[in-house]
Amino acid sequence: MQYWGQGFSPRGEKNRFVLPSDFRADVRTASAGQRILCLDKHPRLPAMVGFGTDRPRYFHLEMEEEKARAKDEVEVFSRELFMAQLSGFRRANFDESGRFVLPSYLSEMIAAEGGLYFHGGGNYFTIWPPEVLFAMPSGWDTIKASCRAKMAETMGKDRRK
C-alpha cells in the first residue's frame, strides 16, 4: 500500500486523534477491511509512522534497503536492532470517523503536546507534532508549509461549528 496525502488533527479528549480522511480508506484496505491503524516511532526521525497491517509482509525488503543505506553511509547495520524497531508497532482501532487513541508512551516519545500532522509519501505516513516538525532544518520547508496550511484549515472548520 502506498499512502499519499496530508492532514492535521487536534488532540481530543482522552488522548484521541482523528486519522485524516486522506488515509482512512487506504489503512482500512491495507488492514484487510478492518479499522486497524499501526503506529510506531520512526527509527531515525522525531516522528511516528502509521500504516496498515499488511506492511509487515514487506519488512524483509525494507531490511535489505536499510542494510544497503547503512553500507553506503558507512554505518554499522544490526539486523536484530532493525527488526526490533520495525516489529515494535502498536495496533490502534479507529472508528468510522477516524478517531483513535494514541498510546501515551508514543505520545511521550515524540513530545506530542497538542495536535498531530500526518504526511503521506510511501509505504507508511509520518505523524508529527507541529512544533517538532517546525524545528526541522530548511529541507523540510515544503512539509512545514503543508502542516501550517492543514492546521489553519482544520482550525477554521472548528471555529465554524
Foldseek 3Di string as FASTA:
>chain_A
DFQADKAKWKQDPQQKTADDPSCQVQQCVLQVNFQKKKWAQDPPALWMKIHHPNCVVCLVVVLVVVVVVCVVVVHDDDPVVSVCRVPVIDIWGADPRRMTHDPVVSCVSSVQDIMWMWGTDTRIIIIHRLVSLVPDDPVSVVVNVVRVVNVVVVVVVVVVD
